Amino acid sequence: MAEPIIIVGHKNPDNDAISAAVGLAFYMNEMAKRQPEGEAREYKPVRLGPLPPETEWNLNQNGLPLPELIESVAEGQEVILVDHNELSQAVDGLEQAEIVAIVDHHRIGDVTTAGPIFFNCRPWGSTATVVTSMLRQEGIEIPVSIANVLLSAILTDTVIMKSPTATPVDKEQIDFLCGITGRNYVEFGQELFRCRGAVSDLPIETYVGADSKEFAVGDTTVLIAQRETVEIDAAMAREEEARAHMRQLMEANGYDFVLVMVTDILEEGSYFLVEGNHEVVDRVFGIDSSAAVWMPGVLSRKKQVAAPILAG
């Protein structure tokens, strides 16, 4: 029997990258049951980094296995990408692997394929929203466990529907999934964010890098990270420690700059911490980021931060 087709999110995975992979693996394995005998393939979710605390908690609560941690893929390995389509964010070895599908909700990046593939990229608040819509379109019955996983990812990626990336489609899928799980989505979302634990206890590597993505800006590469919290004072008390680690990352990886968004979920805004060449950030946002800058209403890395930086 052929080895499984792996489904993988981006490096430094967030809840959506892993949960969408779990949900999409369920979808693909259900669709495989409709194939003629002998033609069905197995689909396996994997991950490229540590499990976010809320993801591990939710998978354990629902009795689902934790996706295997991998570092690279082999030549010819069949791969489905979720929640990204840029090489800088993708698994090592992807250039020699075979991409068979992409399911995403981000801008179209630089991943190319030798032939046509299934590509489903929607301007919605999370990849889990896309996966939920695919399951509904095919009339696949969603178990409570998978519904909880998909719901959790929509809630964390849309910051419980507060993010400007949230759309009516996200709310529609949230309501549908809540009908399966019986949960109140606001209460469940708050529970998920509380799973992240006290920000004062996080290793600084996790504080800065647990949810971070590389982006190519002209001839340079930058790192944009986000730390969402309900403990903004405790988070900002670690500013100098965070900046020291940001400088280490910049030196080790040759980034032009590192930007960390410290996002206050309750007050609905973010502090910008920038190390390195902050001229681009200053010009794009009209600020002086030589010190921490409060950015009211800025909650989305994708739409409100990365997009204008890449366009500017």
C-alpha atoms as a PDB file:
ATOM      1  CA  MET A   1       0.000   0.000   0.000  1.00  0.00           C
ATOM      2  CA  ALA A   2       1.260   3.490  -0.863  1.00  0.00           C
ATOM      3  CA  GLU A   3       2.484   5.606   1.991  1.00  0.00           C
ATOM      4  CA  PRO A   4       0.055   8.225   3.322  1.00  0.00           C
ATOM      5  CA  ILE A   5      -0.286  11.627   1.721  1.00  0.00           C
ATOM      6  CA  ILE A   6       0.692  14.096   4.434  1.00  0.00           C
ATOM      7  CA  ILE A   7      -1.213  17.271   5.219  1.00  0.00           C
ATOM      8  CA  VAL A   8       0.922  19.978   6.757  1.00  0.00           C
ATOM      9  CA  GLY A   9       0.597  23.576   7.883  1.00  0.00           C
ATOM     10  CA  HIS A  10       3.300  26.223   8.083  1.00  0.00           C
ATOM     11  CA  LYS A  11       6.377  26.425  10.294  1.00  0.00           C
ATOM     12  CA  ASN A  12       5.818  27.827  13.808  1.00  0.00           C
ATOM     13  CA  PRO A  13       2.263  26.504  13.566  1.00  0.00           C
ATOM     14  CA  ASP A  14      -0.701  28.201  15.178  1.00  0.00           C
ATOM     15  CA  ASN A  15      -3.972  26.524  16.081  1.00  0.00           C
ATOM     16  CA  ASP A  16      -5.421  26.958  12.585  1.00  0.00           C
ATOM     17  CA  ALA A  17      -2.393  25.422  10.856  1.00  0.00           C
ATOM     18  CA  ILE A  18      -2.688  22.232  12.900  1.00  0.00           C
ATOM     19  CA  SER A  19      -6.441  22.029  13.419  1.00  0.00           C
ATOM     20  CA  ALA A  20      -7.167  22.674   9.739  1.00  0.00           C
ATOM     21  CA  ALA A  21      -4.757  19.863   8.859  1.00  0.00           C
ATOM     22  CA  VAL A  22      -6.625  17.522  11.216  1.00  0.00           C
ATOM     23  CA  GLY A  23      -9.973  18.588   9.756  1.00  0.00           C
ATOM     24  CA  LEU A  24      -8.776  18.299   6.169  1.00  0.00           C
ATOM     25  CA  ALA A  25      -7.340  14.827   6.819  1.00  0.00           C
ATOM     26  CA  PHE A  26     -10.785  13.771   8.051  1.00  0.00           C
ATOM     27  CA  TYR A  27     -12.358  15.249   4.913  1.00  0.00           C
ATOM     28  CA  MET A  28      -9.889  13.568   2.555  1.00  0.00           C
ATOM     29  CA  ASN A  29     -10.175  10.185   4.266  1.00  0.00           C
ATOM     30  CA  GLU A  30     -13.977  10.397   4.069  1.00  0.00           C
ATOM     31  CA  MET A  31     -13.782  11.299   0.386  1.00  0.00           C
ATOM     32  CA  ALA A  32     -11.379   8.385  -0.144  1.00  0.00           C
ATOM     33  CA  LYS A  33     -14.119   6.028   1.007  1.00  0.00           C
ATOM     34  CA  ARG A  34     -16.053   7.024  -2.111  1.00  0.00           C
ATOM     35  CA  GLN A  35     -13.245   5.835  -4.391  1.00  0.00           C
ATOM     36  CA  PRO A  36     -13.286   2.396  -6.058  1.00  0.00           C
ATOM     37  CA  GLU A  37     -11.721  -0.336  -3.990  1.00  0.00           C
ATOM     38  CA  GLY A  38      -7.957  -0.316  -4.350  1.00  0.00           C
ATOM     39  CA  GLU A  39      -7.749   3.341  -5.381  1.00  0.00           C
ATOM     40  CA  ALA A  40      -8.276   4.953  -1.987  1.00  0.00           C
ATOM     41  CA  ARG A  41      -5.329   6.673  -0.297  1.00  0.00           C
ATOM     42  CA  GLU A  42      -4.693   7.457   3.347  1.00  0.00           C
ATOM     43  CA  TYR A  43      -4.231  11.064   4.454  1.00  0.00           C
ATOM     44  CA  LYS A  44      -2.245  11.948   7.559  1.00  0.00           C
ATOM     45  CA  PRO A  45      -2.007  15.321   9.378  1.00  0.00           C
ATOM     46  CA  VAL A  46       1.473  16.324  10.553  1.00  0.00           C
ATOM     47  CA  ARG A  47       3.050  19.471  12.017  1.00  0.00           C
ATOM     48  CA  LEU A  48       6.241  21.495  11.747  1.00  0.00           C
ATOM     49  CA  GLY A  49       6.597  22.702  15.309  1.00  0.00           C
ATOM     50  CA  PRO A  50       5.331  22.510  18.893  1.00  0.00           C
ATOM     51  CA  LEU A  51       1.623  22.241  19.524  1.00  0.00           C
ATOM     52  CA  PRO A  52       0.064  25.498  20.737  1.00  0.00           C
ATOM     53  CA  PRO A  53      -1.312  24.898  24.253  1.00  0.00           C
ATOM     54  CA  GLU A  54      -4.922  25.398  23.160  1.00  0.00           C
ATOM     55  CA  THR A  55      -4.483  22.927  20.311  1.00  0.00           C
ATOM     56  CA  GLU A  56      -2.994  20.221  22.504  1.00  0.00           C
ATOM     57  CA  TRP A  57      -5.705  20.753  25.132  1.00  0.00           C
ATOM     58  CA  ASN A  58      -8.486  20.599  22.553  1.00  0.00           C
ATOM     59  CA  LEU A  59      -7.165  17.503  20.779  1.00  0.00           C
ATOM     60  CA  ASN A  60      -6.780  15.712  24.108  1.00  0.00           C
ATOM     61  CA  GLN A  61     -10.253  16.794  25.231  1.00  0.00           C
ATOM     62  CA  ASN A  62     -11.691  15.271  22.069  1.00  0.00           C
ATOM     63  CA  GLY A  63      -9.679  12.055  22.147  1.00  0.00           C
ATOM     64  CA  LEU A  64      -7.843  12.806  18.908  1.00  0.00           C
ATOM     65  CA  PRO A  65      -4.210  11.814  18.295  1.00  0.00           C
ATOM     66  CA  LEU A  66      -1.600  14.549  18.241  1.00  0.00           C
ATOM     67  CA  PRO A  67      -0.210  15.033  14.719  1.00  0.00           C
ATOM     68  CA  GLU A  68       3.314  13.742  14.247  1.00  0.00           C
ATOM     69  CA  LEU A  69       6.125  16.282  14.314  1.00  0.00           C
ATOM     70  CA  ILE A  70       8.259  16.263  11.145  1.00  0.00           C
ATOM     71  CA  GLU A  71      11.226  18.352  10.022  1.00  0.00           C
ATOM     72  CA  SER A  72      11.323  17.716   6.282  1.00  0.00           C
ATOM     73  CA  VAL A  73       9.781  15.748   3.436  1.00  0.00           C
ATOM     74  CA  ALA A  74      11.503  13.318   1.117  1.00  0.00           C
ATOM     75  CA  GLU A  75      11.869  13.568  -2.635  1.00  0.00           C
ATOM     76  CA  GLY A  76       8.628  12.548  -4.313  1.00  0.00           C
ATOM     77  CA  GLN A  77       6.595  12.661  -1.078  1.00  0.00           C
ATOM     78  CA  GLU A  78       2.999  13.648  -1.810  1.00  0.00           C
ATOM     79  CA  VAL A  79       2.028  16.691   0.258  1.00  0.00           C
ATOM     80  CA  ILE A  80      -1.047  18.835   0.838  1.00  0.00           C
ATOM     81  CA  LEU A  81      -0.385  22.323   2.189  1.00  0.00           C
ATOM     82  CA  VAL A  82      -2.817  24.025   4.541  1.00  0.00           C
ATOM     83  CA  ASP A  83      -2.834  27.583   5.887  1.00  0.00           C
ATOM     84  CA  HIS A  84       0.079  28.737   3.696  1.00  0.00           C
ATOM     85  CA  ASN A  85       1.450  28.662   0.186  1.00  0.00           C
ATOM     86  CA  GLU A  86       4.850  30.353   0.511  1.00  0.00           C
ATOM     87  CA  LEU A  87       8.129  28.455   0.430  1.00  0.00           C
ATOM     88  CA  SER A  88       9.645  30.439   3.307  1.00  0.00           C
ATOM     89  CA  GLN A  89       6.878  29.137   5.579  1.00  0.00           C
ATOM     90  CA  ALA A  90       6.785  25.590   4.228  1.00  0.00           C
ATOM     91  CA  VAL A  91       8.333  22.288   5.195  1.00  0.00           C
ATOM     92  CA  ASP A  92      11.981  21.756   4.263  1.00  0.00           C
ATOM     93  CA  GLY A  93      12.423  19.631   1.146  1.00  0.00           C
ATOM     94  CA  LEU A  94       9.172  20.779  -0.435  1.00  0.00           C
ATOM     95  CA  GLU A  95      10.912  21.691  -3.718  1.00  0.00           C
ATOM     96  CA  GLN A  96      11.640  17.992  -4.287  1.00  0.00           C
ATOM     97  CA  ALA A  97       8.256  16.765  -3.048  1.00  0.00           C
ATOM     98  CA  GLU A  98       4.989  16.609  -4.982  1.00  0.00           C
ATOM     99  CA  ILE A  99       2.328  19.106  -3.926  1.00  0.00           C
ATOM    100  CA  VAL A 100      -1.074  17.575  -4.695  1.00  0.00           C
ATOM    101  CA  ALA A 101      -3.368  20.197  -3.123  1.00  0.00           C
ATOM    102  CA  ILE A 102      -3.446  23.489  -1.231  1.00  0.00           C
ATOM    103  CA  VAL A 103      -6.193  24.719   1.094  1.00  0.00           C
ATOM    104  CA  ASP A 104      -5.582  28.210   2.442  1.00  0.00           C
ATOM    105  CA  HIS A 105      -6.896  31.682   3.258  1.00  0.00           C
ATOM    106  CA  HIS A 106      -3.818  33.820   2.618  1.00  0.00           C
ATOM    107  CA  ARG A 107      -2.387  35.725  -0.329  1.00  0.00           C
ATOM    108  CA  ILE A 108      -1.028  33.669  -3.214  1.00  0.00           C
ATOM    109  CA  GLY A 109       2.675  33.183  -2.610  1.00  0.00           C
ATOM    110  CA  ASP A 110       5.550  31.591  -4.505  1.00  0.00           C
ATOM    111  CA  VAL A 111       4.773  27.868  -4.325  1.00  0.00           C
ATOM    112  CA  THR A 112       4.658  26.404  -7.832  1.00  0.00           C
ATOM    113  CA  THR A 113       3.724  22.954  -9.136  1.00  0.00           C
ATOM    114  CA  ALA A 114       4.579  20.936 -12.210  1.00  0.00           C
ATOM    115  CA  GLY A 115       0.942  20.280 -13.058  1.00  0.00           C
ATOM    116  CA  PRO A 116      -2.567  21.358 -12.088  1.00  0.00           C
ATOM    117  CA  ILE A 117      -3.665  20.640  -8.521  1.00  0.00           C
ATOM    118  CA  PHE A 118      -6.696  21.145  -6.300  1.00  0.00           C
ATOM    119  CA  PHE A 119      -6.350  24.691  -4.938  1.00  0.00           C
ATOM    120  CA  ASN A 120      -8.968  26.151  -2.590  1.00  0.00           C
ATOM    121  CA  CYS A 121      -8.001  29.576  -1.248  1.00  0.00           C
ATOM    122  CA  ARG A 122     -10.746  31.795   0.169  1.00  0.00           C
ATOM    123  CA  PRO A 123     -10.633  35.310   1.664  1.00  0.00           C
ATOM    124  CA  TRP A 124     -12.113  34.113   4.940  1.00  0.00           C
ATOM    125  CA  GLY A 125     -10.940  34.337   8.534  1.00  0.00           C
ATOM    126  CA  SER A 126      -9.360  30.898   8.865  1.00  0.00           C
ATOM    127  CA  THR A 127      -8.428  27.825   6.891  1.00  0.00           C
ATOM    128  CA  ALA A 128     -10.732  25.841   9.180  1.00  0.00           C
ATOM    129  CA  THR A 129     -13.627  27.854   7.742  1.00  0.00           C
ATOM    130  CA  VAL A 130     -12.619  26.651   4.275  1.00  0.00           C
ATOM    131  CA  VAL A 131     -12.393  23.042   5.459  1.00  0.00           C
ATOM    132  CA  THR A 132     -15.797  23.253   7.167  1.00  0.00           C
ATOM    133  CA  SER A 133     -17.376  24.556   3.973  1.00  0.00           C
ATOM    134  CA  MET A 134     -15.816  21.670   2.025  1.00  0.00           C
ATOM    135  CA  LEU A 135     -17.245  19.123   4.451  1.00  0.00           C
ATOM    136  CA  ARG A 136     -20.696  20.689   4.240  1.00  0.00           C
ATOM    137  CA  GLN A 137     -20.583  20.912   0.469  1.00  0.00           C
ATOM    138  CA  GLU A 138     -19.926  17.174   0.222  1.00  0.00           C
ATOM    139  CA  GLY A 139     -22.600  16.346   2.803  1.00  0.00           C
ATOM    140  CA  ILE A 140     -20.094  14.672   5.120  1.00  0.00           C
ATOM    141  CA  GLU A 141     -21.340  14.194   8.670  1.00  0.00           C
ATOM    142  CA  ILE A 142     -18.947  15.911  11.056  1.00  0.00           C
ATOM    143  CA  PRO A 143     -18.285  14.171  14.403  1.00  0.00           C
ATOM    144  CA  VAL A 144     -18.347  16.292  17.543  1.00  0.00           C
ATOM    145  CA  SER A 145     -14.586  15.846  17.968  1.00  0.00           C
ATOM    146  CA  ILE A 146     -13.758  17.226  14.511  1.00  0.00           C
ATOM    147  CA  ALA A 147     -16.358  19.967  14.909  1.00  0.00           C
ATOM    148  CA  ASN A 148     -14.649  21.090  18.125  1.00  0.00           C
ATOM    149  CA  VAL A 149     -11.260  21.150  16.413  1.00  0.00           C
ATOM    150  CA  LEU A 150     -12.497  23.186  13.446  1.00  0.00           C
ATOM    151  CA  LEU A 151     -14.489  25.539  15.674  1.00  0.00           C
ATOM    152  CA  SER A 152     -11.472  26.199  17.864  1.00  0.00           C
ATOM    153  CA  ALA A 153      -9.366  27.211  14.866  1.00  0.00           C
ATOM    154  CA  ILE A 154     -11.957  29.618  13.496  1.00  0.00           C
ATOM    155  CA  LEU A 155     -12.276  31.247  16.918  1.00  0.00           C
ATOM    156  CA  THR A 156      -8.557  31.694  17.517  1.00  0.00           C
ATOM    157  CA  ASP A 157      -7.808  32.897  13.977  1.00  0.00           C
ATOM    158  CA  THR A 158     -10.665  35.431  14.022  1.00  0.00           C
ATOM    159  CA  VAL A 159      -9.995  36.369  17.691  1.00  0.00           C
ATOM    160  CA  ILE A 160     -13.535  35.260  18.572  1.00  0.00           C
ATOM    161  CA  MET A 161     -14.882  37.194  15.546  1.00  0.00           C
ATOM    162  CA  LYS A 162     -13.231  40.466  16.632  1.00  0.00           C
ATOM    163  CA  SER A 163     -10.545  40.444  13.943  1.00  0.00           C
ATOM    164  CA  PRO A 164     -11.079  42.501  10.757  1.00  0.00           C
ATOM    165  CA  THR A 165     -10.368  39.279   8.850  1.00  0.00           C
ATOM    166  CA  ALA A 166     -13.593  37.766  10.207  1.00  0.00           C
ATOM    167  CA  THR A 167     -16.345  37.446   7.609  1.00  0.00           C
ATOM    168  CA  PRO A 168     -20.024  36.478   7.579  1.00  0.00           C
ATOM    169  CA  VAL A 169     -18.932  33.103   6.203  1.00  0.00           C
ATOM    170  CA  ASP A 170     -16.852  32.508   9.351  1.00  0.00           C
ATOM    171  CA  LYS A 171     -19.859  33.305  11.539  1.00  0.00           C
ATOM    172  CA  GLU A 172     -22.045  30.995   9.460  1.00  0.00           C
ATOM    173  CA  GLN A 173     -19.598  28.108   9.946  1.00  0.00           C
ATOM    174  CA  ILE A 174     -19.240  28.915  13.659  1.00  0.00           C
ATOM    175  CA  ASP A 175     -23.007  28.709  14.087  1.00  0.00           C
ATOM    176  CA  PHE A 176     -23.128  25.441  12.150  1.00  0.00           C
ATOM    177  CA  LEU A 177     -20.339  23.870  14.210  1.00  0.00           C
ATOM    178  CA  CYS A 178     -21.883  25.094  17.472  1.00  0.00           C
ATOM    179  CA  GLY A 179     -25.019  23.265  16.413  1.00  0.00           C
ATOM    180  CA  ILE A 180     -22.950  20.072  16.448  1.00  0.00           C
ATOM    181  CA  THR A 181     -20.918  20.744  19.586  1.00  0.00           C
ATOM    182  CA  GLY A 182     -23.591  22.489  21.654  1.00  0.00           C
ATOM    183  CA  ARG A 183     -21.042  25.140  22.684  1.00  0.00           C
ATOM    184  CA  ASN A 184     -21.386  28.875  23.170  1.00  0.00           C
ATOM    185  CA  TYR A 185     -18.715  30.178  20.827  1.00  0.00           C
ATOM    186  CA  VAL A 186     -17.729  33.192  22.925  1.00  0.00           C
ATOM    187  CA  GLU A 187     -17.263  31.103  26.059  1.00  0.00           C
ATOM    188  CA  PHE A 188     -15.370  28.428  24.113  1.00  0.00           C
ATOM    189  CA  GLY A 189     -13.140  31.049  22.518  1.00  0.00           C
ATOM    190  CA  GLN A 190     -12.269  32.586  25.877  1.00  0.00           C
ATOM    191  CA  GLU A 191     -11.524  29.112  27.233  1.00  0.00           C
ATOM    192  CA  LEU A 192      -9.144  28.486  24.337  1.00  0.00           C
ATOM    193  CA  PHE A 193      -7.225  31.717  24.888  1.00  0.00           C
ATOM    194  CA  ARG A 194      -6.969  30.982  28.616  1.00  0.00           C
ATOM    195  CA  CYS A 195      -5.325  27.661  27.706  1.00  0.00           C
ATOM    196  CA  ARG A 196      -2.268  29.599  26.603  1.00  0.00           C
ATOM    197  CA  GLY A 197      -1.405  30.102  30.252  1.00  0.00           C
ATOM    198  CA  ALA A 198       0.241  32.963  32.056  1.00  0.00           C
ATOM    199  CA  VAL A 199       2.347  34.997  29.669  1.00  0.00           C
ATOM    200  CA  SER A 200       4.847  35.639  32.446  1.00  0.00           C
ATOM    201  CA  ASP A 201       5.647  31.905  32.587  1.00  0.00           C
ATOM    202  CA  LEU A 202       6.271  31.366  28.874  1.00  0.00           C
ATOM    203  CA  PRO A 203       9.803  30.659  27.657  1.00  0.00           C
ATOM    204  CA  ILE A 204      10.882  33.737  25.749  1.00  0.00           C
ATOM    205  CA  GLU A 205      11.350  31.600  22.625  1.00  0.00           C
ATOM    206  CA  THR A 206       7.651  30.725  22.811  1.00  0.00           C
ATOM    207  CA  TYR A 207       6.600  34.275  23.675  1.00  0.00           C
ATOM    208  CA  VAL A 208       8.279  35.611  20.532  1.00  0.00           C
ATOM    209  CA  GLY A 209       8.349  32.740  18.086  1.00  0.00           C
ATOM    210  CA  ALA A 210       5.421  30.395  18.676  1.00  0.00           C
ATOM    211  CA  ASP A 211       3.274  32.203  16.092  1.00  0.00           C
ATOM    212  CA  SER A 212       5.701  33.768  13.633  1.00  0.00           C
ATOM    213  CA  LYS A 213       6.027  33.852   9.862  1.00  0.00           C
ATOM    214  CA  GLU A 214       8.756  34.848   7.453  1.00  0.00           C
ATOM    215  CA  PHE A 215       7.945  37.148   4.539  1.00  0.00           C
ATOM    216  CA  ALA A 216      10.018  38.234   1.553  1.00  0.00           C
ATOM    217  CA  VAL A 217      10.027  42.028   1.267  1.00  0.00           C
ATOM    218  CA  GLY A 218      11.920  42.994  -1.869  1.00  0.00           C
ATOM    219  CA  ASP A 219      15.358  41.450  -1.599  1.00  0.00           C
ATOM    220  CA  THR A 220      15.102  40.973   2.167  1.00  0.00           C
ATOM    221  CA  THR A 221      13.363  38.595   4.544  1.00  0.00           C
ATOM    222  CA  VAL A 222      11.468  39.753   7.617  1.00  0.00           C
ATOM    223  CA  LEU A 223       9.843  37.956  10.535  1.00  0.00           C
ATOM    224  CA  ILE A 224       6.424  39.048  11.790  1.00  0.00           C
ATOM    225  CA  ALA A 225       5.221  37.373  14.994  1.00  0.00           C
ATOM    226  CA  GLN A 226       2.141  37.754  17.139  1.00  0.00           C
ATOM    227  CA  ARG A 227       1.551  37.134  20.823  1.00  0.00           C
ATOM    228  CA  GLU A 228      -2.152  37.341  21.657  1.00  0.00           C
ATOM    229  CA  THR A 229      -2.926  37.799  25.345  1.00  0.00           C
ATOM    230  CA  VAL A 230      -5.485  38.832  27.923  1.00  0.00           C
ATOM    231  CA  GLU A 231      -2.600  39.874  30.220  1.00  0.00           C
ATOM    232  CA  ILE A 232      -1.164  42.856  28.380  1.00  0.00           C
ATOM    233  CA  ASP A 233       0.644  44.352  31.381  1.00  0.00           C
ATOM    234  CA  ALA A 234       2.436  41.073  32.098  1.00  0.00           C
ATOM    235  CA  ALA A 235       3.265  40.699  28.420  1.00  0.00           C
ATOM    236  CA  MET A 236       4.732  44.177  28.086  1.00  0.00           C
ATOM    237  CA  ALA A 237       6.730  43.740  31.301  1.00  0.00           C
ATOM    238  CA  ARG A 238       8.846  41.313  29.261  1.00  0.00           C
ATOM    239  CA  GLU A 239       9.534  43.797  26.462  1.00  0.00           C
ATOM    240  CA  GLU A 240      13.307  44.021  26.929  1.00  0.00           C
ATOM    241  CA  GLU A 241      13.626  40.251  27.219  1.00  0.00           C
ATOM    242  CA  ALA A 242      11.570  39.878  24.045  1.00  0.00           C
ATOM    243  CA  ARG A 243      13.675  42.443  22.211  1.00  0.00           C
ATOM    244  CA  ALA A 244      16.889  40.650  23.144  1.00  0.00           C
ATOM    245  CA  HIS A 245      15.525  37.418  21.672  1.00  0.00           C
ATOM    246  CA  MET A 246      14.302  39.278  18.574  1.00  0.00           C
ATOM    247  CA  ARG A 247      17.841  40.565  17.994  1.00  0.00           C
ATOM    248  CA  GLN A 248      19.176  37.020  18.326  1.00  0.00           C
ATOM    249  CA  LEU A 249      16.691  35.800  15.715  1.00  0.00           C
ATOM    250  CA  MET A 250      17.620  38.646  13.404  1.00  0.00           C
ATOM    251  CA  GLU A 251      21.331  37.894  13.670  1.00  0.00           C
ATOM    252  CA  ALA A 252      20.908  34.134  13.304  1.00  0.00           C
ATOM    253  CA  ASN A 253      18.599  34.301  10.280  1.00  0.00           C
ATOM    254  CA  GLY A 254      19.615  37.506   8.542  1.00  0.00           C
ATOM    255  CA  TYR A 255      16.229  39.183   8.876  1.00  0.00           C
ATOM    256  CA  ASP A 256      15.994  42.828   7.846  1.00  0.00           C
ATOM    257  CA  PHE A 257      13.717  43.339  10.835  1.00  0.00           C
ATOM    258  CA  VAL A 258      11.655  41.408  13.369  1.00  0.00           C
ATOM    259  CA  LEU A 259       8.229  42.736  14.292  1.00  0.00           C
ATOM    260  CA  VAL A 260       6.274  41.288  17.207  1.00  0.00           C
ATOM    261  CA  MET A 261       2.643  42.247  17.628  1.00  0.00           C
ATOM    262  CA  VAL A 262       1.679  41.998  21.296  1.00  0.00           C
ATOM    263  CA  THR A 263      -2.085  41.862  20.907  1.00  0.00           C
ATOM    264  CA  ASP A 264      -4.513  42.740  23.676  1.00  0.00           C
ATOM    265  CA  ILE A 265      -7.624  40.704  22.927  1.00  0.00           C
ATOM    266  CA  LEU A 266      -9.737  42.597  25.473  1.00  0.00           C
ATOM    267  CA  GLU A 267      -8.743  46.130  24.425  1.00  0.00           C
ATOM    268  CA  GLU A 268      -8.618  45.146  20.736  1.00  0.00           C
ATOM    269  CA  GLY A 269      -5.254  46.538  19.738  1.00  0.00           C
ATOM    270  CA  SER A 270      -1.576  45.668  19.544  1.00  0.00           C
ATOM    271  CA  TYR A 271       1.778  46.999  20.645  1.00  0.00           C
ATOM    272  CA  PHE A 272       4.394  46.918  17.907  1.00  0.00           C
ATOM    273  CA  LEU A 273       7.873  45.839  19.006  1.00  0.00           C
ATOM    274  CA  VAL A 274      10.401  46.213  16.191  1.00  0.00           C
ATOM    275  CA  GLU A 275      14.071  45.293  16.109  1.00  0.00           C
ATOM    276  CA  GLY A 276      16.312  45.893  13.115  1.00  0.00           C
ATOM    277  CA  ASN A 277      15.597  48.184  10.185  1.00  0.00           C
ATOM    278  CA  HIS A 278      12.298  49.748  11.263  1.00  0.00           C
ATOM    279  CA  GLU A 279      12.175  52.277   8.421  1.00  0.00           C
ATOM    280  CA  VAL A 280       9.679  50.191   6.412  1.00  0.00           C
ATOM    281  CA  VAL A 281       7.360  49.782   9.391  1.00  0.00           C
ATOM    282  CA  ASP A 282       7.585  53.495  10.209  1.00  0.00           C
ATOM    283  CA  ARG A 283       6.831  54.541   6.633  1.00  0.00           C
ATOM    284  CA  VAL A 284       3.944  52.123   6.108  1.00  0.00           C
ATOM    285  CA  PHE A 285       2.190  52.916   9.393  1.00  0.00           C
ATOM    286  CA  GLY A 286       3.295  56.516   9.907  1.00  0.00           C
ATOM    287  CA  ILE A 287       4.848  55.798  13.303  1.00  0.00           C
ATOM    288  CA  ASP A 288       8.181  55.850  15.098  1.00  0.00           C
ATOM    289  CA  SER A 289       8.763  52.247  16.122  1.00  0.00           C
ATOM    290  CA  SER A 290      12.113  52.839  17.782  1.00  0.00           C
ATOM    291  CA  ALA A 291      10.065  52.293  20.957  1.00  0.00           C
ATOM    292  CA  ALA A 292       6.906  50.249  21.568  1.00  0.00           C
ATOM    293  CA  VAL A 293       3.903  51.747  19.775  1.00  0.00           C
ATOM    294  CA  TRP A 294       0.264  51.073  20.653  1.00  0.00           C
ATOM    295  CA  MET A 295      -1.823  50.423  17.506  1.00  0.00           C
ATOM    296  CA  PRO A 296      -5.526  50.569  18.381  1.00  0.00           C
ATOM    297  CA  GLY A 297      -7.779  48.246  16.402  1.00  0.00           C
ATOM    298  CA  VAL A 298      -4.868  46.271  14.928  1.00  0.00           C
ATOM    299  CA  LEU A 299      -5.569  42.584  15.537  1.00  0.00           C
ATOM    300  CA  SER A 300      -4.744  40.840  12.274  1.00  0.00           C
ATOM    301  CA  ARG A 301      -1.179  40.109  11.220  1.00  0.00           C
ATOM    302  CA  LYS A 302      -2.330  38.969   7.777  1.00  0.00           C
ATOM    303  CA  LYS A 303      -4.631  41.812   6.803  1.00  0.00           C
ATOM    304  CA  GLN A 304      -3.523  44.794   8.877  1.00  0.00           C
ATOM    305  CA  VAL A 305       0.234  44.266   9.171  1.00  0.00           C
ATOM    306  CA  ALA A 306       1.765  41.863   6.633  1.00  0.00           C
ATOM    307  CA  ALA A 307      -0.387  43.003   3.714  1.00  0.00           C
ATOM    308  CA  PRO A 308       0.490  46.733   3.913  1.00  0.00           C
ATOM    309  CA  ILE A 309       4.157  45.962   4.558  1.00  0.00           C
ATOM    310  CA  LEU A 310       4.310  43.697   1.520  1.00  0.00           C
ATOM    311  CA  ALA A 311       2.441  46.258  -0.586  1.00  0.00           C
ATOM    312  CA  GLY A 312       4.551  49.180   0.648  1.00  0.00           C
END
